Amino acid sequence: MCLGIPGKVVAIYEADGIRMGEVEFDGIVKQVCLAYLPEIAVGDYTIVHVGFAISQVDEQSARETLALFQNLGLLDEELQVKGDEVVP
């Protein structure tokens, strides 16, 4: 299953001419392509699907969705977490 997961942008940088960022998902940080959202800034929340930020969302919606995914047991699966280890 591939869900769009909400996360908070904690850093923005450029890699090989592409706008990238670090996005935090309930304590897990992943590198994400931000090219589709040129207006997004550090501190904003976004929906990430297969490594791409695809839309901006408000903090309340992001937190509610993360809590729902966590309660359903989907968050670790989507973020590829096994035990305490994050799988790249």
PDB file of N, CA and C in Angstrom:
ATOM      1  N   MET A   1       0.846  -1.170   0.000  1.00  0.00           N
ATOM      2  CA  MET A   1       0.000   0.000   0.000  1.00  0.00           C
ATOM      3  C   MET A   1       0.891   1.233   0.000  1.00  0.00           C
ATOM      4  N   CYS A   2       0.504   2.250  -0.725  1.00  0.00           N
ATOM      5  CA  CYS A   2       1.243   3.509  -0.741  1.00  0.00           C
ATOM      6  C   CYS A   2       0.291   4.645  -0.395  1.00  0.00           C
ATOM      7  N   LEU A   3       0.476   5.198   0.775  1.00  0.00           N
ATOM      8  CA  LEU A   3      -0.344   6.315   1.235  1.00  0.00           C
ATOM      9  C   LEU A   3       0.444   7.603   1.131  1.00  0.00           C
ATOM     10  N   GLY A   4      -0.245   8.712   1.024  1.00  0.00           N
ATOM     11  CA  GLY A   4       0.388  10.010   1.168  1.00  0.00           C
ATOM     12  C   GLY A   4       0.478  10.299   2.652  1.00  0.00           C
ATOM     13  N   ILE A   5       1.683  10.481   3.152  1.00  0.00           N
ATOM     14  CA  ILE A   5       1.921  10.661   4.586  1.00  0.00           C
ATOM     15  C   ILE A   5       2.232  12.134   4.870  1.00  0.00           C
ATOM     16  N   PRO A   6       1.574  12.747   5.856  1.00  0.00           N
ATOM     17  CA  PRO A   6       1.897  14.127   6.201  1.00  0.00           C
ATOM     18  C   PRO A   6       3.153  14.208   7.061  1.00  0.00           C
ATOM     19  N   GLY A   7       3.942  15.243   6.806  1.00  0.00           N
ATOM     20  CA  GLY A   7       5.148  15.468   7.588  1.00  0.00           C
ATOM     21  C   GLY A   7       5.497  16.945   7.624  1.00  0.00           C
ATOM     22  N   LYS A   8       6.409  17.281   8.522  1.00  0.00           N
ATOM     23  CA  LYS A   8       6.838  18.670   8.712  1.00  0.00           C
ATOM     24  C   LYS A   8       8.193  18.883   8.049  1.00  0.00           C
ATOM     25  N   VAL A   9       8.295  19.921   7.232  1.00  0.00           N
ATOM     26  CA  VAL A   9       9.552  20.260   6.579  1.00  0.00           C
ATOM     27  C   VAL A   9      10.492  20.846   7.634  1.00  0.00           C
ATOM     28  N   VAL A  10      11.651  20.196   7.827  1.00  0.00           N
ATOM     29  CA  VAL A  10      12.597  20.667   8.839  1.00  0.00           C
ATOM     30  C   VAL A  10      13.863  21.256   8.222  1.00  0.00           C
ATOM     31  N   ALA A  11      14.082  21.030   6.924  1.00  0.00           N
ATOM     32  CA  ALA A  11      15.246  21.603   6.241  1.00  0.00           C
ATOM     33  C   ALA A  11      14.966  21.611   4.744  1.00  0.00           C
ATOM     34  N   ILE A  12      15.537  22.610   4.060  1.00  0.00           N
ATOM     35  CA  ILE A  12      15.423  22.698   2.603  1.00  0.00           C
ATOM     36  C   ILE A  12      16.818  22.929   2.044  1.00  0.00           C
ATOM     37  N   TYR A  13      17.123  22.231   0.955  1.00  0.00           N
ATOM     38  CA  TYR A  13      18.421  22.369   0.304  1.00  0.00           C
ATOM     39  C   TYR A  13      18.284  22.002  -1.169  1.00  0.00           C
ATOM     40  N   GLU A  14      19.334  22.229  -1.922  1.00  0.00           N
ATOM     41  CA  GLU A  14      19.345  21.871  -3.330  1.00  0.00           C
ATOM     42  C   GLU A  14      20.348  20.748  -3.540  1.00  0.00           C
ATOM     43  N   ALA A  15      19.966  19.757  -4.339  1.00  0.00           N
ATOM     44  CA  ALA A  15      20.850  18.640  -4.671  1.00  0.00           C
ATOM     45  C   ALA A  15      20.788  18.413  -6.176  1.00  0.00           C
ATOM     46  N   ASP A  16      21.890  18.598  -6.847  1.00  0.00           N
ATOM     47  CA  ASP A  16      21.957  18.420  -8.301  1.00  0.00           C
ATOM     48  C   ASP A  16      20.903  19.255  -9.022  1.00  0.00           C
ATOM     49  N   GLY A  17      20.683  20.476  -8.543  1.00  0.00           N
ATOM     50  CA  GLY A  17      19.742  21.380  -9.175  1.00  0.00           C
ATOM     51  C   GLY A  17      18.283  21.119  -8.841  1.00  0.00           C
ATOM     52  N   ILE A  18      18.016  20.215  -7.910  1.00  0.00           N
ATOM     53  CA  ILE A  18      16.645  19.872  -7.535  1.00  0.00           C
ATOM     54  C   ILE A  18      16.382  20.334  -6.107  1.00  0.00           C
ATOM     55  N   ARG A  19      15.254  20.969  -5.890  1.00  0.00           N
ATOM     56  CA  ARG A  19      14.873  21.427  -4.545  1.00  0.00           C
ATOM     57  C   ARG A  19      14.464  20.217  -3.709  1.00  0.00           C
ATOM     58  N   MET A  20      15.194  20.005  -2.626  1.00  0.00           N
ATOM     59  CA  MET A  20      14.987  18.859  -1.748  1.00  0.00           C
ATOM     60  C   MET A  20      14.761  19.358  -0.325  1.00  0.00           C
ATOM     61  N   GLY A  21      14.325  18.448   0.531  1.00  0.00           N
ATOM     62  CA  GLY A  21      14.149  18.808   1.921  1.00  0.00           C
ATOM     63  C   GLY A  21      14.202  17.592   2.824  1.00  0.00           C
ATOM     64  N   GLU A  22      14.334  17.859   4.092  1.00  0.00           N
ATOM     65  CA  GLU A  22      14.201  16.821   5.105  1.00  0.00           C
ATOM     66  C   GLU A  22      12.833  17.029   5.730  1.00  0.00           C
ATOM     67  N   VAL A  23      12.044  15.961   5.746  1.00  0.00           N
ATOM     68  CA  VAL A  23      10.689  16.018   6.281  1.00  0.00           C
ATOM     69  C   VAL A  23      10.589  15.029   7.429  1.00  0.00           C
ATOM     70  N   GLU A  24      10.016  15.496   8.543  1.00  0.00           N
ATOM     71  CA  GLU A  24       9.898  14.682   9.759  1.00  0.00           C
ATOM     72  C   GLU A  24       8.486  14.122   9.863  1.00  0.00           C
ATOM     73  N   PHE A  25       8.424  12.806  10.047  1.00  0.00           N
ATOM     74  CA  PHE A  25       7.168  12.083  10.191  1.00  0.00           C
ATOM     75  C   PHE A  25       7.150  11.416  11.557  1.00  0.00           C
ATOM     76  N   ASP A  26       6.524  12.023  12.521  1.00  0.00           N
ATOM     77  CA  ASP A  26       6.390  11.417  13.848  1.00  0.00           C
ATOM     78  C   ASP A  26       7.725  10.913  14.384  1.00  0.00           C
ATOM     79  N   GLY A  27       8.768  11.749  14.255  1.00  0.00           N
ATOM     80  CA  GLY A  27      10.091  11.412  14.775  1.00  0.00           C
ATOM     81  C   GLY A  27      11.045  10.802  13.771  1.00  0.00           C
ATOM     82  N   ILE A  28      10.582  10.435  12.601  1.00  0.00           N
ATOM     83  CA  ILE A  28      11.420   9.849  11.554  1.00  0.00           C
ATOM     84  C   ILE A  28      11.645  10.909  10.485  1.00  0.00           C
ATOM     85  N   VAL A  29      12.908  11.126  10.097  1.00  0.00           N
ATOM     86  CA  VAL A  29      13.241  12.133   9.097  1.00  0.00           C
ATOM     87  C   VAL A  29      13.668  11.441   7.810  1.00  0.00           C
ATOM     88  N   LYS A  30      13.074  11.897   6.700  1.00  0.00           N
ATOM     89  CA  LYS A  30      13.405  11.348   5.382  1.00  0.00           C
ATOM     90  C   LYS A  30      13.695  12.483   4.415  1.00  0.00           C
ATOM     91  N   GLN A  31      14.513  12.174   3.400  1.00  0.00           N
ATOM     92  CA  GLN A  31      14.781  13.129   2.326  1.00  0.00           C
ATOM     93  C   GLN A  31      13.631  13.060   1.331  1.00  0.00           C
ATOM     94  N   VAL A  32      13.157  14.239   0.913  1.00  0.00           N
ATOM     95  CA  VAL A  32      11.985  14.334   0.059  1.00  0.00           C
ATOM     96  C   VAL A  32      12.242  15.363  -1.035  1.00  0.00           C
ATOM     97  N   CYS A  33      11.748  15.093  -2.229  1.00  0.00           N
ATOM     98  CA  CYS A  33      11.810  16.056  -3.316  1.00  0.00           C
ATOM     99  C   CYS A  33      10.716  17.098  -3.108  1.00  0.00           C
ATOM    100  N   LEU A  34      11.100  18.383  -3.127  1.00  0.00           N
ATOM    101  CA  LEU A  34      10.157  19.488  -2.932  1.00  0.00           C
ATOM    102  C   LEU A  34       9.893  20.252  -4.229  1.00  0.00           C
ATOM    103  N   ALA A  35      10.328  19.717  -5.362  1.00  0.00           N
ATOM    104  CA  ALA A  35      10.247  20.431  -6.639  1.00  0.00           C
ATOM    105  C   ALA A  35       8.822  20.825  -7.016  1.00  0.00           C
ATOM    106  N   TYR A  36       7.826  20.042  -6.624  1.00  0.00           N
ATOM    107  CA  TYR A  36       6.438  20.336  -6.983  1.00  0.00           C
ATOM    108  C   TYR A  36       5.804  21.417  -6.114  1.00  0.00           C
ATOM    109  N   LEU A  37       6.487  21.786  -5.031  1.00  0.00           N
ATOM    110  CA  LEU A  37       5.944  22.791  -4.104  1.00  0.00           C
ATOM    111  C   LEU A  37       6.975  23.894  -3.865  1.00  0.00           C
ATOM    112  N   PRO A  38       7.204  24.751  -4.842  1.00  0.00           N
ATOM    113  CA  PRO A  38       8.255  25.778  -4.694  1.00  0.00           C
ATOM    114  C   PRO A  38       7.985  26.771  -3.564  1.00  0.00           C
ATOM    115  N   GLU A  39       6.722  26.893  -3.123  1.00  0.00           N
ATOM    116  CA  GLU A  39       6.376  27.861  -2.078  1.00  0.00           C
ATOM    117  C   GLU A  39       6.526  27.305  -0.660  1.00  0.00           C
ATOM    118  N   ILE A  40       6.732  26.013  -0.517  1.00  0.00           N
ATOM    119  CA  ILE A  40       6.797  25.416   0.822  1.00  0.00           C
ATOM    120  C   ILE A  40       8.066  25.871   1.546  1.00  0.00           C
ATOM    121  N   ALA A  41       7.943  26.077   2.858  1.00  0.00           N
ATOM    122  CA  ALA A  41       9.052  26.588   3.663  1.00  0.00           C
ATOM    123  C   ALA A  41       9.272  25.686   4.879  1.00  0.00           C
ATOM    124  N   VAL A  42      10.421  25.859   5.510  1.00  0.00           N
ATOM    125  CA  VAL A  42      10.716  25.143   6.751  1.00  0.00           C
ATOM    126  C   VAL A  42       9.627  25.473   7.761  1.00  0.00           C
ATOM    127  N   GLY A  43       9.092  24.431   8.407  1.00  0.00           N
ATOM    128  CA  GLY A  43       8.017  24.595   9.375  1.00  0.00           C
ATOM    129  C   GLY A  43       6.645  24.289   8.805  1.00  0.00           C
ATOM    130  N   ASP A  44       6.529  24.270   7.476  1.00  0.00           N
ATOM    131  CA  ASP A  44       5.257  23.928   6.835  1.00  0.00           C
ATOM    132  C   ASP A  44       5.061  22.414   6.852  1.00  0.00           C
ATOM    133  N   TYR A  45       3.821  21.999   6.644  1.00  0.00           N
ATOM    134  CA  TYR A  45       3.484  20.577   6.572  1.00  0.00           C
ATOM    135  C   TYR A  45       3.116  20.224   5.135  1.00  0.00           C
ATOM    136  N   THR A  46       3.471  19.017   4.737  1.00  0.00           N
ATOM    137  CA  THR A  46       3.216  18.561   3.381  1.00  0.00           C
ATOM    138  C   THR A  46       2.769  17.105   3.387  1.00  0.00           C
ATOM    139  N   ILE A  47       2.095  16.715   2.317  1.00  0.00           N
ATOM    140  CA  ILE A  47       1.768  15.309   2.090  1.00  0.00           C
ATOM    141  C   ILE A  47       2.850  14.757   1.178  1.00  0.00           C
ATOM    142  N   VAL A  48       3.462  13.644   1.576  1.00  0.00           N
ATOM    143  CA  VAL A  48       4.542  13.033   0.799  1.00  0.00           C
ATOM    144  C   VAL A  48       4.073  11.682   0.277  1.00  0.00           C
ATOM    145  N   HIS A  49       4.286  11.485  -1.014  1.00  0.00           N
ATOM    146  CA  HIS A  49       3.938  10.212  -1.657  1.00  0.00           C
ATOM    147  C   HIS A  49       5.150   9.764  -2.472  1.00  0.00           C
ATOM    148  N   VAL A  50       5.630   8.575  -2.201  1.00  0.00           N
ATOM    149  CA  VAL A  50       6.807   7.958  -2.848  1.00  0.00           C
ATOM    150  C   VAL A  50       7.978   8.931  -3.002  1.00  0.00           C
ATOM    151  N   GLY A  51       8.262   9.678  -1.934  1.00  0.00           N
ATOM    152  CA  GLY A  51       9.432  10.547  -1.903  1.00  0.00           C
ATOM    153  C   GLY A  51       9.238  11.938  -2.475  1.00  0.00           C
ATOM    154  N   PHE A  52       8.012  12.284  -2.877  1.00  0.00           N
ATOM    155  CA  PHE A  52       7.726  13.600  -3.432  1.00  0.00           C
ATOM    156  C   PHE A  52       6.678  14.311  -2.586  1.00  0.00           C
ATOM    157  N   ALA A  53       6.955  15.581  -2.250  1.00  0.00           N
ATOM    158  CA  ALA A  53       5.954  16.410  -1.579  1.00  0.00           C
ATOM    159  C   ALA A  53       4.935  16.807  -2.637  1.00  0.00           C
ATOM    160  N   ILE A  54       3.657  16.453  -2.415  1.00  0.00           N
ATOM    161  CA  ILE A  54       2.654  16.676  -3.461  1.00  0.00           C
ATOM    162  C   ILE A  54       1.615  17.735  -3.107  1.00  0.00           C
ATOM    163  N   SER A  55       1.495  18.100  -1.835  1.00  0.00           N
ATOM    164  CA  SER A  55       0.579  19.175  -1.464  1.00  0.00           C
ATOM    165  C   SER A  55       0.941  19.689  -0.076  1.00  0.00           C
ATOM    166  N   GLN A  56       0.534  20.908   0.187  1.00  0.00           N
ATOM    167  CA  GLN A  56       0.759  21.506   1.494  1.00  0.00           C
ATOM    168  C   GLN A  56      -0.514  21.370   2.306  1.00  0.00           C
ATOM    169  N   VAL A  57      -0.379  21.068   3.612  1.00  0.00           N
ATOM    170  CA  VAL A  57      -1.524  20.931   4.505  1.00  0.00           C
ATOM    171  C   VAL A  57      -1.272  21.711   5.775  1.00  0.00           C
ATOM    172  N   ASP A  58      -2.341  21.967   6.515  1.00  0.00           N
ATOM    173  CA  ASP A  58      -2.181  22.666   7.789  1.00  0.00           C
ATOM    174  C   ASP A  58      -1.728  21.676   8.868  1.00  0.00           C
ATOM    175  N   GLU A  59      -1.162  22.207   9.928  1.00  0.00           N
ATOM    176  CA  GLU A  59      -0.601  21.380  10.999  1.00  0.00           C
ATOM    177  C   GLU A  59      -1.644  20.478  11.648  1.00  0.00           C
ATOM    178  N   GLN A  60      -2.837  20.992  11.920  1.00  0.00           N
ATOM    179  CA  GLN A  60      -3.860  20.187  12.582  1.00  0.00           C
ATOM    180  C   GLN A  60      -4.239  18.974  11.732  1.00  0.00           C
ATOM    181  N   SER A  61      -4.454  19.177  10.447  1.00  0.00           N
ATOM    182  CA  SER A  61      -4.796  18.058   9.556  1.00  0.00           C
ATOM    183  C   SER A  61      -3.667  17.040   9.511  1.00  0.00           C
ATOM    184  N   ALA A  62      -2.432  17.527   9.456  1.00  0.00           N
ATOM    185  CA  ALA A  62      -1.278  16.626   9.412  1.00  0.00           C
ATOM    186  C   ALA A  62      -1.207  15.776  10.673  1.00  0.00           C
ATOM    187  N   ARG A  63      -1.360  16.405  11.833  1.00  0.00           N
ATOM    188  CA  ARG A  63      -1.283  15.660  13.097  1.00  0.00           C
ATOM    189  C   ARG A  63      -2.432  14.649  13.242  1.00  0.00           C
ATOM    190  N   GLU A  64      -3.633  15.038  12.842  1.00  0.00           N
ATOM    191  CA  GLU A  64      -4.772  14.116  12.922  1.00  0.00           C
ATOM    192  C   GLU A  64      -4.569  12.909  12.011  1.00  0.00           C
ATOM    193  N   THR A  65      -4.070  13.139  10.816  1.00  0.00           N
ATOM    194  CA  THR A  65      -3.824  12.048   9.872  1.00  0.00           C
ATOM    195  C   THR A  65      -2.725  11.129  10.374  1.00  0.00           C
ATOM    196  N   LEU A  66      -1.637  11.706  10.889  1.00  0.00           N
ATOM    197  CA  LEU A  66      -0.558  10.877  11.449  1.00  0.00           C
ATOM    198  C   LEU A  66      -1.069  10.008  12.592  1.00  0.00           C
ATOM    199  N   ALA A  67      -1.892  10.584  13.468  1.00  0.00           N
ATOM    200  CA  ALA A  67      -2.435   9.819  14.596  1.00  0.00           C
ATOM    201  C   ALA A  67      -3.324   8.687  14.094  1.00  0.00           C
ATOM    202  N   LEU A  68      -4.135   8.956  13.101  1.00  0.00           N
ATOM    203  CA  LEU A  68      -4.999   7.932  12.531  1.00  0.00           C
ATOM    204  C   LEU A  68      -4.178   6.799  11.923  1.00  0.00           C
ATOM    205  N   PHE A  69      -3.168   7.143  11.121  1.00  0.00           N
ATOM    206  CA  PHE A  69      -2.307   6.125  10.512  1.00  0.00           C
ATOM    207  C   PHE A  69      -1.592   5.308  11.583  1.00  0.00           C
ATOM    208  N   GLN A  70      -1.141   5.976  12.659  1.00  0.00           N
ATOM    209  CA  GLN A  70      -0.449   5.283  13.749  1.00  0.00           C
ATOM    210  C   GLN A  70      -1.405   4.302  14.428  1.00  0.00           C
ATOM    211  N   ASN A  71      -2.624   4.760  14.710  1.00  0.00           N
ATOM    212  CA  ASN A  71      -3.613   3.897  15.372  1.00  0.00           C
ATOM    213  C   ASN A  71      -4.004   2.701  14.517  1.00  0.00           C
ATOM    214  N   LEU A  72      -4.008   2.872  13.208  1.00  0.00           N
ATOM    215  CA  LEU A  72      -4.349   1.784  12.299  1.00  0.00           C
ATOM    216  C   LEU A  72      -3.160   0.856  12.010  1.00  0.00           C
ATOM    217  N   GLY A  73      -1.984   1.232  12.526  1.00  0.00           N
ATOM    218  CA  GLY A  73      -0.793   0.417  12.307  1.00  0.00           C
ATOM    219  C   GLY A  73      -0.192   0.580  10.924  1.00  0.00           C
ATOM    220  N   LEU A  74      -0.535   1.661  10.237  1.00  0.00           N
ATOM    221  CA  LEU A  74      -0.057   1.870   8.873  1.00  0.00           C
ATOM    222  C   LEU A  74       1.203   2.721   8.776  1.00  0.00           C
ATOM    223  N   LEU A  75       1.489   3.513   9.798  1.00  0.00           N
ATOM    224  CA  LEU A  75       2.586   4.463   9.714  1.00  0.00           C
ATOM    225  C   LEU A  75       3.928   3.763   9.581  1.00  0.00           C
ATOM    226  N   ASP A  76       4.211   2.784  10.437  1.00  0.00           N
ATOM    227  CA  ASP A  76       5.493   2.085  10.367  1.00  0.00           C
ATOM    228  C   ASP A  76       5.668   1.379   9.032  1.00  0.00           C
ATOM    229  N   GLU A  77       4.583   0.799   8.536  1.00  0.00           N
ATOM    230  CA  GLU A  77       4.633   0.111   7.234  1.00  0.00           C
ATOM    231  C   GLU A  77       4.979   1.087   6.114  1.00  0.00           C
ATOM    232  N   GLU A  78       4.323   2.234   6.108  1.00  0.00           N
ATOM    233  CA  GLU A  78       4.555   3.213   5.048  1.00  0.00           C
ATOM    234  C   GLU A  78       5.939   3.836   5.132  1.00  0.00           C
ATOM    235  N   LEU A  79       6.436   4.031   6.347  1.00  0.00           N
ATOM    236  CA  LEU A  79       7.760   4.631   6.523  1.00  0.00           C
ATOM    237  C   LEU A  79       8.858   3.577   6.560  1.00  0.00           C
ATOM    238  N   GLN A  80       8.502   2.329   6.361  1.00  0.00           N
ATOM    239  CA  GLN A  80       9.423   1.201   6.333  1.00  0.00           C
ATOM    240  C   GLN A  80      10.254   1.122   7.613  1.00  0.00           C
ATOM    241  N   VAL A  81       9.551   1.093   8.745  1.00  0.00           N
ATOM    242  CA  VAL A  81      10.193   0.988  10.050  1.00  0.00           C
ATOM    243  C   VAL A  81      10.098  -0.443  10.512  1.00  0.00           C
ATOM    244  N   LYS A  82      11.237  -0.999  10.934  1.00  0.00           N
ATOM    245  CA  LYS A  82      11.258  -2.349  11.486  1.00  0.00           C
ATOM    246  C   LYS A  82      11.916  -2.259  12.854  1.00  0.00           C
ATOM    247  N   GLY A  83      11.115  -2.441  13.892  1.00  0.00           N
ATOM    248  CA  GLY A  83      11.648  -2.267  15.251  1.00  0.00           C
ATOM    249  C   GLY A  83      11.999  -0.806  15.442  1.00  0.00           C
ATOM    250  N   ASP A  84      13.242  -0.548  15.818  1.00  0.00           N
ATOM    251  CA  ASP A  84      13.730   0.818  15.971  1.00  0.00           C
ATOM    252  C   ASP A  84      14.531   1.278  14.755  1.00  0.00           C
ATOM    253  N   GLU A  85      14.563   0.466  13.723  1.00  0.00           N
ATOM    254  CA  GLU A  85      15.403   0.753  12.557  1.00  0.00           C
ATOM    255  C   GLU A  85      14.557   1.247  11.391  1.00  0.00           C
ATOM    256  N   VAL A  86      15.014   2.326  10.749  1.00  0.00           N
ATOM    257  CA  VAL A  86      14.357   2.846   9.558  1.00  0.00           C
ATOM    258  C   VAL A  86      15.073   2.263   8.355  1.00  0.00           C
ATOM    259  N   VAL A  87      14.304   1.650   7.470  1.00  0.00           N
ATOM    260  CA  VAL A  87      14.872   1.033   6.274  1.00  0.00           C
ATOM    261  C   VAL A  87      14.909   2.073   5.172  1.00  0.00           C
ATOM    262  N   PRO A  88      16.070   2.270   4.528  1.00  0.00           N
ATOM    263  CA  PRO A  88      16.154   3.297   3.454  1.00  0.00           C
ATOM    264  C   PRO A  88      15.286   2.956   2.267  1.00  0.00           C
TER     265      PRO A  88
END
